[in-house]
Amino acid sequence: MQDTTLLHTISLASLEGGKITLSRVERPYGENSEAVVSIGVALKGDEPDWKVHIPYQNIDELIEALKVAKSTQQ
């Protein structure tokens, strides 16, 4: 059984009423699976239209990749 804990909510800059949510999901793929961070994007309301699961072991690398992406912003 999955247990989900909301960690943070960010207003989506490009769309009024949209938001990005970060949650911790325990056992996302069954009883023996490790927890992940779920990043969801909702265009309207509370339910995400898209989600991605990031293993905790990949968070530091993801942060570095996001910094690179930000540096290419024009």
C-alpha atoms as a PDB file:
ATOM      1  CA  MET A   1       0.000   0.000   0.000  1.00  0.00           C
ATOM      2  CA  GLN A   2       1.353   3.425  -0.956  1.00  0.00           C
ATOM      3  CA  ASP A   3       1.640   6.156   1.661  1.00  0.00           C
ATOM      4  CA  THR A   4       2.052   9.664   0.289  1.00  0.00           C
ATOM      5  CA  THR A   5       3.174  12.703   2.296  1.00  0.00           C
ATOM      6  CA  LEU A   6       2.989  16.171   0.763  1.00  0.00           C
ATOM      7  CA  LEU A   7       6.350  17.927   1.249  1.00  0.00           C
ATOM      8  CA  HIS A   8       6.025  21.219  -0.626  1.00  0.00           C
ATOM      9  CA  THR A   9       3.782  23.148  -3.028  1.00  0.00           C
ATOM     10  CA  ILE A  10       4.964  25.775  -5.525  1.00  0.00           C
ATOM     11  CA  SER A  11       2.724  28.071  -7.587  1.00  0.00           C
ATOM     12  CA  LEU A  12       3.247  27.437 -11.298  1.00  0.00           C
ATOM     13  CA  ALA A  13       4.678  30.679 -12.719  1.00  0.00           C
ATOM     14  CA  SER A  14       3.263  30.225 -16.206  1.00  0.00           C
ATOM     15  CA  LEU A  15      -0.339  29.470 -15.277  1.00  0.00           C
ATOM     16  CA  GLU A  16      -2.660  31.019 -12.708  1.00  0.00           C
ATOM     17  CA  GLY A  17      -4.035  28.294 -10.457  1.00  0.00           C
ATOM     18  CA  GLY A  18      -1.402  25.801 -11.529  1.00  0.00           C
ATOM     19  CA  LYS A  19       1.020  24.245  -9.068  1.00  0.00           C
ATOM     20  CA  ILE A  20       3.976  21.961  -8.637  1.00  0.00           C
ATOM     21  CA  THR A  21       3.832  19.517  -5.731  1.00  0.00           C
ATOM     22  CA  LEU A  22       6.592  17.474  -4.165  1.00  0.00           C
ATOM     23  CA  SER A  23       5.605  14.418  -2.157  1.00  0.00           C
ATOM     24  CA  ARG A  24       7.303  11.443  -0.552  1.00  0.00           C
ATOM     25  CA  VAL A  25       5.781   8.163  -1.725  1.00  0.00           C
ATOM     26  CA  GLU A  26       6.448   5.060   0.361  1.00  0.00           C
ATOM     27  CA  ARG A  27       6.362   1.704  -1.468  1.00  0.00           C
ATOM     28  CA  PRO A  28       5.470   3.229  -4.878  1.00  0.00           C
ATOM     29  CA  TYR A  29       5.815  -0.082  -6.760  1.00  0.00           C
ATOM     30  CA  GLY A  30       4.827  -2.594  -4.114  1.00  0.00           C
ATOM     31  CA  GLU A  31       5.778  -3.759  -0.650  1.00  0.00           C
ATOM     32  CA  ASN A  32       9.546  -4.043  -1.167  1.00  0.00           C
ATOM     33  CA  SER A  33      10.119  -0.910  -3.269  1.00  0.00           C
ATOM     34  CA  GLU A  34      12.038   2.059  -1.890  1.00  0.00           C
ATOM     35  CA  ALA A  35      10.515   5.481  -1.279  1.00  0.00           C
ATOM     36  CA  VAL A  36      10.693   8.114  -4.028  1.00  0.00           C
ATOM     37  CA  VAL A  37      10.019  11.810  -4.391  1.00  0.00           C
ATOM     38  CA  SER A  38       7.015  12.414  -6.621  1.00  0.00           C
ATOM     39  CA  ILE A  39       6.976  15.699  -8.538  1.00  0.00           C
ATOM     40  CA  GLY A  40       3.516  16.543  -9.811  1.00  0.00           C
ATOM     41  CA  VAL A  41       2.284  19.369 -12.030  1.00  0.00           C
ATOM     42  CA  ALA A  42      -1.369  20.394 -11.829  1.00  0.00           C
ATOM     43  CA  LEU A  43      -2.737  22.812 -14.392  1.00  0.00           C
ATOM     44  CA  LYS A  44      -5.966  23.270 -12.417  1.00  0.00           C
ATOM     45  CA  GLY A  45      -7.063  21.976  -9.051  1.00  0.00           C
ATOM     46  CA  ASP A  46      -5.158  19.663  -6.738  1.00  0.00           C
ATOM     47  CA  GLU A  47      -4.697  16.497  -8.798  1.00  0.00           C
ATOM     48  CA  PRO A  48      -1.515  16.486 -10.903  1.00  0.00           C
ATOM     49  CA  ASP A  49      -1.847  16.173 -14.659  1.00  0.00           C
ATOM     50  CA  TRP A  50       1.732  14.807 -14.795  1.00  0.00           C
ATOM     51  CA  LYS A  51       3.952  13.071 -12.264  1.00  0.00           C
ATOM     52  CA  VAL A  52       7.513  11.827 -12.193  1.00  0.00           C
ATOM     53  CA  HIS A  53       9.074   9.648  -9.509  1.00  0.00           C
ATOM     54  CA  ILE A  54      12.670  10.407  -8.552  1.00  0.00           C
ATOM     55  CA  PRO A  55      14.625   7.910  -6.415  1.00  0.00           C
ATOM     56  CA  TYR A  56      16.206   9.627  -3.419  1.00  0.00           C
ATOM     57  CA  GLN A  57      19.625   8.467  -4.656  1.00  0.00           C
ATOM     58  CA  ASN A  58      19.196  10.678  -7.769  1.00  0.00           C
ATOM     59  CA  ILE A  59      18.148  13.930  -6.065  1.00  0.00           C
ATOM     60  CA  ASP A  60      21.611  15.532  -5.874  1.00  0.00           C
ATOM     61  CA  GLU A  61      22.305  14.836  -9.552  1.00  0.00           C
ATOM     62  CA  LEU A  62      18.855  16.144 -10.480  1.00  0.00           C
ATOM     63  CA  ILE A  63      19.502  19.372  -8.557  1.00  0.00           C
ATOM     64  CA  GLU A  64      22.778  19.858 -10.433  1.00  0.00           C
ATOM     65  CA  ALA A  65      21.049  19.214 -13.778  1.00  0.00           C
ATOM     66  CA  LEU A  66      18.340  21.752 -12.880  1.00  0.00           C
ATOM     67  CA  LYS A  67      21.052  24.321 -12.090  1.00  0.00           C
ATOM     68  CA  VAL A  68      22.544  23.718 -15.550  1.00  0.00           C
ATOM     69  CA  ALA A  69      19.090  24.069 -17.111  1.00  0.00           C
ATOM     70  CA  LYS A  70      18.532  27.328 -15.215  1.00  0.00           C
ATOM     71  CA  SER A  71      21.872  28.695 -16.415  1.00  0.00           C
ATOM     72  CA  THR A  72      20.717  28.300 -20.033  1.00  0.00           C
ATOM     73  CA  GLN A  73      17.625  30.463 -19.418  1.00  0.00           C
ATOM     74  CA  GLN A  74      17.577  33.499 -21.691  1.00  0.00           C
END
